[in-house]
């Protein structure tokens, strides 16, 4: 989902933020009561599912207008880092992905402290992920990932494969090697132009999302080259690529977006938020998608946050909106309308969440699937360069997909590139 050049630019910009912050301290003041309408800018990446919520908020707050600006994942985080460094240009509210939250919390002085009043609402690990070392909360969690596999039941059927979700889940329940074996069978009779999965980088993210340790130890040491779970995820991804099961698409690229509509792949590693992307890019395939359990069970990929930069002009109003958008009622609405899984566990047993099914995904019991996964979730520690590392690994797999390097040479370069991020 990341493009390494842009992400590294973002990192470099963010690294200068502390030096420049003195030149860009909070320039704005909160609008005084009765001073006239204000506009709050919400900068996001992808679809957070907020469009309908904005109208509700504006109705109850006639003095507030909300403007959402959406950018590609890489561009958004690069721009946020640049604006933080410059001391101006950030939105009143900024979305932050889990891969960048550790990096941002290290610059906690550039964000408004949101306090501890809502701590008890959240999954403990979700709350702590955006908490600075000195106890300041820089962001409200919006959602968590969980993991499943979304698949095209119609393409499976055309290839003569099992296509009912219970059959599919059973076929690969014992692990990713079974998923790859299923893919090899699919490839023998797949519809023309349809690969088994979208791309090596996305497959890797799903696999590593099940590991007990990922890219970091808890002392913030990068362990990519020494962690056998990372190497195992790499080897499985390479195995699938070498079996010609990949559509060789880079997540969130325009080619990847087009791949949904062109039926270029039959499965995708699917955290809950991925359902929104599928619905946005694959409208003509409503009812043809379905959701199966992830190979091996459990895991997590992604999830996001809302933060309020200190440089904003309407801080109190921005804090109020961020709190409202991430409140339990709104997290529940977003899940039932878009699929983003709440980060507030009290919602998981509510019938409207636990029993929710999706017409788009052939009435799949997505509430049951994803809340069960969330209850079992054991999150990995996320270090400050996790997003950059994810990009670097993705780039290494792309080199293999494009025939530019052998798997072993690409692994060596990838480890070397990752280790340079620590310097």
Protein backbone atom coordinates (compact mmCIF):
# COMPACT_ATOMS: atom_id res chain seq x y z
CA UNK A 1 0.00 0.00 0.00
CA UNK A 2 2.98 2.25 0.27
CA UNK A 3 5.42 3.79 -2.16
CA UNK A 4 8.87 3.86 -0.63
CA UNK A 5 10.13 7.08 -2.21
CA UNK A 6 7.19 9.08 -0.95
CA UNK A 7 7.21 7.50 2.47
CA UNK A 8 10.92 8.15 2.92
CA UNK A 9 10.35 11.75 1.91
CA UNK A 10 7.64 11.90 4.57
CA UNK A 11 9.99 10.49 7.14
CA UNK A 12 12.70 13.00 6.30
CA UNK A 13 10.24 15.85 6.55
CA UNK A 14 8.91 14.63 9.87
CA UNK A 15 12.40 14.30 11.26
CA UNK A 16 12.84 18.08 10.92
CA UNK A 17 9.51 18.85 12.55
CA UNK A 18 10.87 19.47 16.02
CA UNK A 19 13.46 21.94 14.73
CA UNK A 20 10.88 23.89 12.77
CA UNK A 21 8.05 23.67 15.28
CA UNK A 22 9.20 26.80 17.06
CA UNK A 23 8.68 28.71 13.84
CA UNK A 24 5.24 27.20 13.37
CA UNK A 25 3.63 27.18 16.77
CA UNK A 26 -0.13 27.30 17.06
CA UNK A 27 -1.01 30.20 14.79
CA UNK A 28 -4.76 30.00 15.18
CA UNK A 29 -7.18 30.50 17.98
CA UNK A 30 -10.47 28.83 18.54
CA UNK A 31 -13.47 30.58 17.11
CA UNK A 32 -15.28 32.63 19.69
CA UNK A 33 -18.90 31.79 20.34
CA UNK A 34 -21.16 33.61 17.90
CA UNK A 35 -18.26 34.72 15.67
CA UNK A 36 -19.82 33.22 12.54
CA UNK A 37 -19.50 29.95 10.67
CA UNK A 38 -16.19 28.10 10.62
CA UNK A 39 -14.92 25.41 8.29
CA UNK A 40 -13.13 22.38 9.70
CA UNK A 41 -10.84 20.55 7.30
CA UNK A 42 -10.54 16.79 7.76
CA UNK A 43 -7.58 15.30 5.87
CA UNK A 44 -7.87 11.56 5.29
CA UNK A 45 -6.52 8.74 3.13
CA UNK A 46 -9.10 6.47 1.54
CA UNK A 47 -12.73 6.23 2.61
CA UNK A 48 -13.28 6.47 6.39
CA UNK A 49 -17.04 6.28 5.91
CA UNK A 50 -17.73 9.76 7.29
CA UNK A 51 -19.67 11.46 4.47
CA UNK A 52 -23.12 10.77 5.96
CA UNK A 53 -21.91 11.60 9.46
CA UNK A 54 -20.76 15.07 8.42
CA UNK A 55 -24.31 16.01 7.46
CA UNK A 56 -25.61 14.88 10.84
CA UNK A 57 -22.95 16.85 12.68
CA UNK A 58 -23.52 20.01 10.66
CA UNK A 59 -27.24 19.79 11.33
CA UNK A 60 -26.62 19.78 15.08
CA UNK A 61 -23.80 22.35 14.81
CA UNK A 62 -24.99 25.01 12.35
CA UNK A 63 -21.89 27.09 13.05
CA UNK A 64 -19.63 24.36 11.63
CA UNK A 65 -19.01 23.31 8.04
CA UNK A 66 -16.85 20.26 7.34
CA UNK A 67 -14.57 19.90 4.35
CA UNK A 68 -13.00 16.48 3.77
CA UNK A 69 -9.84 16.24 1.69
CA UNK A 70 -8.77 12.76 0.66
CA UNK A 71 -5.38 11.78 -0.74
CA UNK A 72 -3.66 8.54 -1.59
CA UNK A 73 -2.13 6.75 1.40
CA UNK A 74 1.48 7.69 0.64
CA UNK A 75 0.70 11.25 -0.38
CA UNK A 76 -1.39 11.86 2.72
CA UNK A 77 1.27 10.81 5.21
CA UNK A 78 4.01 12.60 3.26
CA UNK A 79 1.96 15.80 3.23
CA UNK A 80 1.16 15.52 6.94
CA UNK A 81 4.87 15.19 7.77
CA UNK A 82 5.70 18.16 5.56
CA UNK A 83 2.99 20.34 7.12
CA UNK A 84 4.04 19.42 10.63
CA UNK A 85 7.61 20.36 9.79
CA UNK A 86 6.55 23.67 8.25
CA UNK A 87 4.21 24.57 11.08
CA UNK A 88 1.29 25.22 8.73
CA UNK A 89 -0.85 23.53 6.10
CA UNK A 90 -2.19 20.60 8.13
CA UNK A 91 -5.91 19.97 8.42
CA UNK A 92 -7.88 20.70 11.55
CA UNK A 93 -8.14 16.91 11.88
CA UNK A 94 -5.68 14.44 10.35
CA UNK A 95 -6.12 10.72 9.80
CA UNK A 96 -3.11 8.57 10.70
CA UNK A 97 -2.59 4.93 9.78
CA UNK A 98 -1.35 2.43 12.34
CA UNK A 99 1.90 2.10 10.38
CA UNK A 100 2.69 5.76 11.13
CA UNK A 101 1.20 6.27 14.57
CA UNK A 102 4.44 5.41 16.42
CA UNK A 103 6.33 7.89 14.26
CA UNK A 104 3.75 10.59 14.98
CA UNK A 105 3.56 9.99 18.71
CA UNK A 106 7.29 10.68 18.89
CA UNK A 107 6.35 14.19 17.73
CA UNK A 108 3.53 14.44 20.23
CA UNK A 109 4.29 18.10 20.98
CA UNK A 110 2.94 18.94 17.50
CA UNK A 111 -0.48 17.48 18.30
CA UNK A 112 -3.17 18.46 20.80
CA UNK A 113 -3.32 16.31 23.93
CA UNK A 114 -6.80 14.76 23.85
CA UNK A 115 -6.72 13.69 27.50
CA UNK A 116 -7.60 10.42 29.20
CA UNK A 117 -11.38 10.71 29.61
CA UNK A 118 -12.11 8.10 26.95
CA UNK A 119 -9.42 5.58 27.83
CA UNK A 120 -11.82 3.03 29.32
CA UNK A 121 -13.79 2.84 26.07
CA UNK A 122 -10.94 1.51 23.96
CA UNK A 123 -9.11 -1.73 23.42
CA UNK A 124 -6.14 -1.31 25.72
CA UNK A 125 -3.50 -1.79 23.02
CA UNK A 126 -5.30 0.59 20.66
CA UNK A 127 -5.28 3.36 23.26
CA UNK A 128 -1.62 2.82 24.15
CA UNK A 129 -0.48 2.84 20.52
CA UNK A 130 -1.14 6.60 20.24
CA UNK A 131 0.02 7.50 23.75
CA UNK A 132 3.30 9.41 24.13
CA UNK A 133 5.95 8.42 26.64
CA UNK A 134 4.89 11.27 28.92
CA UNK A 135 1.25 10.16 28.86
CA UNK A 136 -0.27 12.48 26.27
CA UNK A 137 -2.92 11.06 23.97
CA UNK A 138 -2.39 12.39 20.45
CA UNK A 139 -5.21 10.61 18.61
CA UNK A 140 -8.53 8.82 18.91
CA UNK A 141 -8.61 5.32 17.44
CA UNK A 142 -11.22 4.89 14.73
CA UNK A 143 -11.02 1.22 13.81
CA UNK A 144 -8.96 -1.96 13.90
CA UNK A 145 -8.20 -4.34 11.09
CA UNK A 146 -8.84 -7.95 11.94
CA UNK A 147 -8.28 -10.39 9.09
CA UNK A 148 -10.32 -12.49 6.69
CA UNK A 149 -10.11 -13.38 2.99
CA UNK A 150 -12.49 -11.66 0.61
CA UNK A 151 -13.05 -13.65 -2.56
CA UNK A 152 -15.04 -13.71 -5.78
CA UNK A 153 -17.43 -16.63 -5.45
CA UNK A 154 -18.46 -16.31 -9.13
CA UNK A 155 -14.85 -16.67 -10.33
CA UNK A 156 -14.34 -19.67 -8.06
CA UNK A 157 -17.50 -21.23 -9.48
CA UNK A 158 -16.38 -20.62 -13.06
CA UNK A 159 -13.08 -22.33 -12.27
CA UNK A 160 -14.89 -25.37 -10.85
CA UNK A 161 -13.69 -24.69 -7.32
CA UNK A 162 -15.65 -24.77 -4.04
CA UNK A 163 -17.30 -21.37 -3.68
CA UNK A 164 -19.57 -21.46 -0.62
CA UNK A 165 -17.89 -19.65 2.27
CA UNK A 166 -17.89 -22.62 4.67
CA UNK A 167 -16.27 -24.80 2.00
CA UNK A 168 -13.71 -22.15 1.16
CA UNK A 169 -12.85 -21.46 4.80
CA UNK A 170 -12.41 -25.20 5.42
CA UNK A 171 -10.15 -25.61 2.39
CA UNK A 172 -7.41 -23.38 3.82
CA UNK A 173 -8.16 -23.30 7.55
CA UNK A 174 -4.88 -25.05 8.39
CA UNK A 175 -2.63 -22.33 7.01
CA UNK A 176 -1.29 -20.32 4.11
CA UNK A 177 0.28 -23.33 2.42
CA UNK A 178 -3.28 -24.66 1.97
CA UNK A 179 -4.31 -21.27 0.57
CA UNK A 180 -1.51 -21.49 -1.99
CA UNK A 181 -2.47 -25.07 -2.87
CA UNK A 182 -6.07 -23.91 -3.41
CA UNK A 183 -4.72 -21.14 -5.62
CA UNK A 184 -2.77 -23.57 -7.77
CA UNK A 185 -5.95 -25.54 -8.38
CA UNK A 186 -7.82 -22.34 -9.20
CA UNK A 187 -5.14 -21.29 -11.69
CA UNK A 188 -5.62 -24.46 -13.73
CA UNK A 189 -9.12 -23.42 -14.79
CA UNK A 190 -9.29 -19.74 -13.89
CA UNK A 191 -11.29 -17.37 -16.11
CA UNK A 192 -9.07 -15.58 -18.61
CA UNK A 193 -7.17 -12.68 -17.07
CA UNK A 194 -7.86 -13.67 -13.45
CA UNK A 195 -4.99 -14.34 -11.06
CA UNK A 196 -5.57 -15.89 -7.64
CA UNK A 197 -4.59 -12.84 -5.54
CA UNK A 198 -3.83 -9.18 -6.14
CA UNK A 199 -0.15 -8.75 -5.30
CA UNK A 200 2.74 -10.04 -3.23
CA UNK A 201 2.90 -7.03 -0.94
CA UNK A 202 -0.72 -7.36 0.12
CA UNK A 203 -0.40 -11.11 0.63
CA UNK A 204 2.67 -10.56 2.80
CA UNK A 205 0.80 -8.03 4.94
CA UNK A 206 -1.91 -10.57 5.64
CA UNK A 207 0.57 -13.27 6.59
CA UNK A 208 2.78 -11.09 8.80
CA UNK A 209 -0.36 -9.78 10.49
CA UNK A 210 -0.62 -13.14 12.25
CA UNK A 211 2.93 -13.15 13.63
CA UNK A 212 3.62 -12.73 17.33
CA UNK A 213 6.43 -10.31 16.44
CA UNK A 214 6.71 -8.23 13.31
CA UNK A 215 9.32 -5.65 12.38
CA UNK A 216 10.32 -4.47 15.85
CA UNK A 217 11.26 -5.66 19.29
CA UNK A 218 9.77 -3.62 22.13
CA UNK A 219 13.01 -1.67 22.60
CA UNK A 220 12.43 -0.24 19.09
CA UNK A 221 15.15 -2.37 17.50
CA UNK A 222 14.38 -3.41 13.93
CA UNK A 223 14.41 -7.22 13.73
CA UNK A 224 13.33 -7.86 10.13
CA UNK A 225 16.55 -9.68 9.21
CA UNK A 226 16.59 -11.84 12.33
CA UNK A 227 12.89 -12.53 12.96
CA UNK A 228 12.04 -15.98 11.54
CA UNK A 229 8.37 -15.01 11.33
CA UNK A 230 9.18 -12.23 8.86
CA UNK A 231 11.29 -14.58 6.76
CA UNK A 232 8.54 -17.22 6.82
CA UNK A 233 5.99 -14.67 5.59
CA UNK A 234 8.41 -13.61 2.85
CA UNK A 235 9.03 -17.21 1.76
CA UNK A 236 5.31 -17.99 1.57
CA UNK A 237 4.72 -14.85 -0.49
CA UNK A 238 7.58 -15.76 -2.82
CA UNK A 239 6.23 -19.27 -3.16
CA UNK A 240 2.86 -17.89 -4.26
CA UNK A 241 4.50 -15.45 -6.69
CA UNK A 242 6.65 -18.15 -8.25
CA UNK A 243 3.52 -20.28 -8.73
CA UNK A 244 2.18 -17.44 -10.94
CA UNK A 245 -0.74 -16.80 -8.62
CA UNK A 246 -0.20 -13.04 -8.31
CA UNK A 247 -1.81 -10.32 -10.44
CA UNK A 248 1.34 -8.28 -9.64
CA UNK A 249 -0.61 -5.22 -8.52
CA UNK A 250 0.54 -2.69 -5.93
CA UNK A 251 -2.06 -1.95 -3.29
CA UNK A 252 -3.88 1.39 -3.59
CA UNK A 253 -2.32 2.14 -6.98
CA UNK A 254 -4.61 3.12 -9.85
CA UNK A 255 -3.80 -0.20 -11.51
CA UNK A 256 -4.90 -2.00 -8.36
CA UNK A 257 -8.13 0.00 -8.25
CA UNK A 258 -8.80 -0.91 -11.88
CA UNK A 259 -8.02 -4.54 -11.14
CA UNK A 260 -11.20 -4.91 -9.11
CA UNK A 261 -13.42 -3.83 -11.98
CA UNK A 262 -11.46 -5.89 -14.51
CA UNK A 263 -11.74 -9.10 -12.43
CA UNK A 264 -7.96 -9.40 -12.36
CA UNK A 265 -7.85 -11.35 -9.09
CA UNK A 266 -10.13 -13.69 -7.18
CA UNK A 267 -8.96 -13.24 -3.57
CA UNK A 268 -7.50 -10.54 -1.38
CA UNK A 269 -6.19 -10.49 2.19
CA UNK A 270 -9.05 -8.64 3.82
CA UNK A 271 -8.97 -6.69 7.07
CA UNK A 272 -12.35 -5.17 7.81
CA UNK A 273 -11.47 -1.79 6.27
CA UNK A 274 -10.67 -3.51 2.97
CA UNK A 275 -14.38 -4.16 2.47
CA UNK A 276 -14.90 -0.45 1.90
CA UNK A 277 -12.19 -0.37 -0.75
CA UNK A 278 -13.72 -3.38 -2.49
CA UNK A 279 -17.18 -1.81 -2.51
CA UNK A 280 -15.80 1.49 -3.82
CA UNK A 281 -13.85 -0.10 -6.67
CA UNK A 282 -16.04 -3.09 -7.54
CA UNK A 283 -19.59 -1.75 -7.59
CA UNK A 284 -20.67 -3.95 -10.51
CA UNK A 285 -19.69 -7.09 -8.58
CA UNK A 286 -22.10 -6.61 -5.66
CA UNK A 287 -23.22 -10.02 -4.41
CA UNK A 288 -20.37 -11.76 -6.24
CA UNK A 289 -17.90 -11.12 -3.44
CA UNK A 290 -17.92 -13.16 -0.25
CA UNK A 291 -15.86 -13.39 2.95
CA UNK A 292 -14.09 -16.49 4.27
CA UNK A 293 -12.01 -17.07 7.38
CA UNK A 294 -8.33 -16.22 7.07
CA UNK A 295 -5.91 -19.16 6.75
CA UNK A 296 -4.67 -20.21 10.17
CA UNK A 297 -7.17 -17.95 11.98
CA UNK A 298 -6.74 -14.58 13.67
CA UNK A 299 -4.42 -11.69 12.95
CA UNK A 300 -4.61 -7.97 12.33
CA UNK A 301 -3.69 -5.59 9.54
CA UNK A 302 -4.13 -1.88 9.95
CA UNK A 303 -6.56 0.45 11.61
CA UNK A 304 -6.51 4.23 11.86
CA UNK A 305 -6.65 7.27 14.15
CA UNK A 306 -7.84 10.89 14.18
CA UNK A 307 -5.44 13.54 15.49
CA UNK A 308 -5.70 17.31 15.96
CA UNK A 309 -2.53 19.23 14.99
CA UNK A 310 -1.63 22.13 17.30
CA UNK A 311 -1.21 24.45 14.31
CA UNK A 312 -4.97 24.44 13.61
CA UNK A 313 -7.12 27.56 13.78
CA UNK A 314 -10.14 25.95 15.46
CA UNK A 315 -8.69 23.55 17.99
CA UNK A 316 -11.62 23.20 20.37
CA UNK A 317 -14.07 22.65 17.54
CA UNK A 318 -11.70 20.15 15.92
CA UNK A 319 -11.34 18.24 19.19
CA UNK A 320 -15.10 18.07 19.52
CA UNK A 321 -15.56 16.78 15.98
CA UNK A 322 -12.76 14.19 16.30
CA UNK A 323 -14.30 12.94 19.54
CA UNK A 324 -17.75 12.71 17.95
CA UNK A 325 -16.57 10.93 14.79
CA UNK A 326 -14.74 8.32 16.87
CA UNK A 327 -17.45 7.91 19.52
CA UNK A 328 -19.17 4.51 19.92
CA UNK A 329 -22.37 5.45 18.09
CA UNK A 330 -20.47 6.71 15.08
CA UNK A 331 -18.05 3.77 15.02
CA UNK A 332 -21.10 1.49 14.96
CA UNK A 333 -22.66 3.44 12.07
CA UNK A 334 -19.45 3.31 10.05
CA UNK A 335 -19.22 -0.45 10.51
CA UNK A 336 -22.77 -1.16 9.36
CA UNK A 337 -22.48 1.26 6.43
CA UNK A 338 -18.87 0.70 5.35
CA UNK A 339 -17.33 -2.22 7.25
CA UNK A 340 -14.61 -0.52 9.33
CA UNK A 341 -14.38 -2.57 12.52
CA UNK A 342 -14.81 -0.52 15.73
CA UNK A 343 -11.93 -0.14 18.15
CA UNK A 344 -14.38 0.02 21.07
CA UNK A 345 -14.96 -3.54 22.34
CA UNK A 346 -18.26 -2.79 24.10
CA UNK A 347 -19.79 -2.65 20.63
CA UNK A 348 -18.79 -6.19 19.65
CA UNK A 349 -21.62 -7.93 21.48
CA UNK A 350 -24.34 -5.53 20.41
CA UNK A 351 -26.78 -7.36 18.11
CA UNK A 352 -26.59 -4.68 15.42
CA UNK A 353 -22.84 -5.30 15.20
CA UNK A 354 -22.42 -8.99 16.02
CA UNK A 355 -25.32 -10.06 13.77
CA UNK A 356 -24.60 -7.69 10.91
CA UNK A 357 -24.51 -9.16 7.41
CA UNK A 358 -23.46 -7.49 4.18
CA UNK A 359 -25.61 -7.65 1.05
CA UNK A 360 -22.61 -6.67 -1.06
CA UNK A 361 -20.67 -9.67 0.23
CA UNK A 362 -23.45 -12.19 -0.43
CA UNK A 363 -24.94 -11.71 3.04
CA UNK A 364 -21.70 -12.81 4.70
CA UNK A 365 -21.87 -12.63 8.51
CA UNK A 366 -19.15 -9.97 8.63
CA UNK A 367 -20.14 -8.85 12.12
CA UNK A 368 -19.55 -12.34 13.48
CA UNK A 369 -16.36 -12.89 11.48
CA UNK A 370 -14.61 -9.68 12.38
CA UNK A 371 -15.73 -9.23 15.99
CA UNK A 372 -14.60 -12.79 16.73
CA UNK A 373 -11.23 -11.97 15.20
CA UNK A 374 -10.98 -8.73 17.19
CA UNK A 375 -11.65 -10.50 20.49
CA UNK A 376 -8.78 -12.90 19.82
CA UNK A 377 -6.44 -10.25 18.46
CA UNK A 378 -2.93 -10.10 19.92
CA UNK A 379 -1.36 -7.00 18.38
CA UNK A 380 2.25 -6.69 17.36
CA UNK A 381 4.42 -3.93 18.71
CA UNK A 382 4.64 -1.12 16.14
CA UNK A 383 7.89 0.82 16.00
CA UNK A 384 8.43 4.29 14.51
CA UNK A 385 9.37 3.20 10.98
CA UNK A 386 6.81 0.41 10.55
CA UNK A 387 5.18 2.09 7.57
CA UNK A 388 8.52 2.58 5.84
CA UNK A 389 9.48 -1.03 6.49
CA UNK A 390 6.21 -2.28 5.06
CA UNK A 391 6.95 -0.30 1.91
CA UNK A 392 10.49 -1.63 1.66
CA UNK A 393 9.36 -5.23 1.94
CA UNK A 394 6.62 -4.63 -0.59
CA UNK A 395 9.17 -3.17 -3.01
CA UNK A 396 11.33 -6.26 -2.59
CA UNK A 397 8.44 -8.53 -3.53
CA UNK A 398 7.60 -6.30 -6.50
CA UNK A 399 11.15 -6.75 -7.81
CA UNK A 400 10.58 -10.51 -7.78
CA UNK A 401 7.17 -10.18 -9.46
CA UNK A 402 8.72 -8.05 -12.19
CA UNK A 403 11.60 -10.46 -12.75
CA UNK A 404 14.21 -7.89 -11.72
CA UNK A 405 15.82 -9.94 -8.94
CA UNK A 406 15.93 -13.47 -7.64
CA UNK A 407 14.13 -14.08 -4.34
CA UNK A 408 17.37 -14.42 -2.38
CA UNK A 409 18.99 -11.34 -3.90
CA UNK A 410 15.86 -9.34 -3.28
CA UNK A 411 15.71 -10.54 0.32
CA UNK A 412 19.30 -9.46 0.91
CA UNK A 413 18.64 -6.04 -0.58
CA UNK A 414 15.42 -5.69 1.37
CA UNK A 415 17.11 -6.45 4.70
CA UNK A 416 19.88 -4.02 3.84
CA UNK A 417 17.38 -1.30 2.91
CA UNK A 418 15.39 -1.90 6.09
CA UNK A 419 18.47 -1.76 8.29
CA UNK A 420 19.40 1.61 6.80
CA UNK A 421 16.09 2.96 8.10
CA UNK A 422 17.41 2.51 11.64
CA UNK A 423 20.34 4.87 11.03
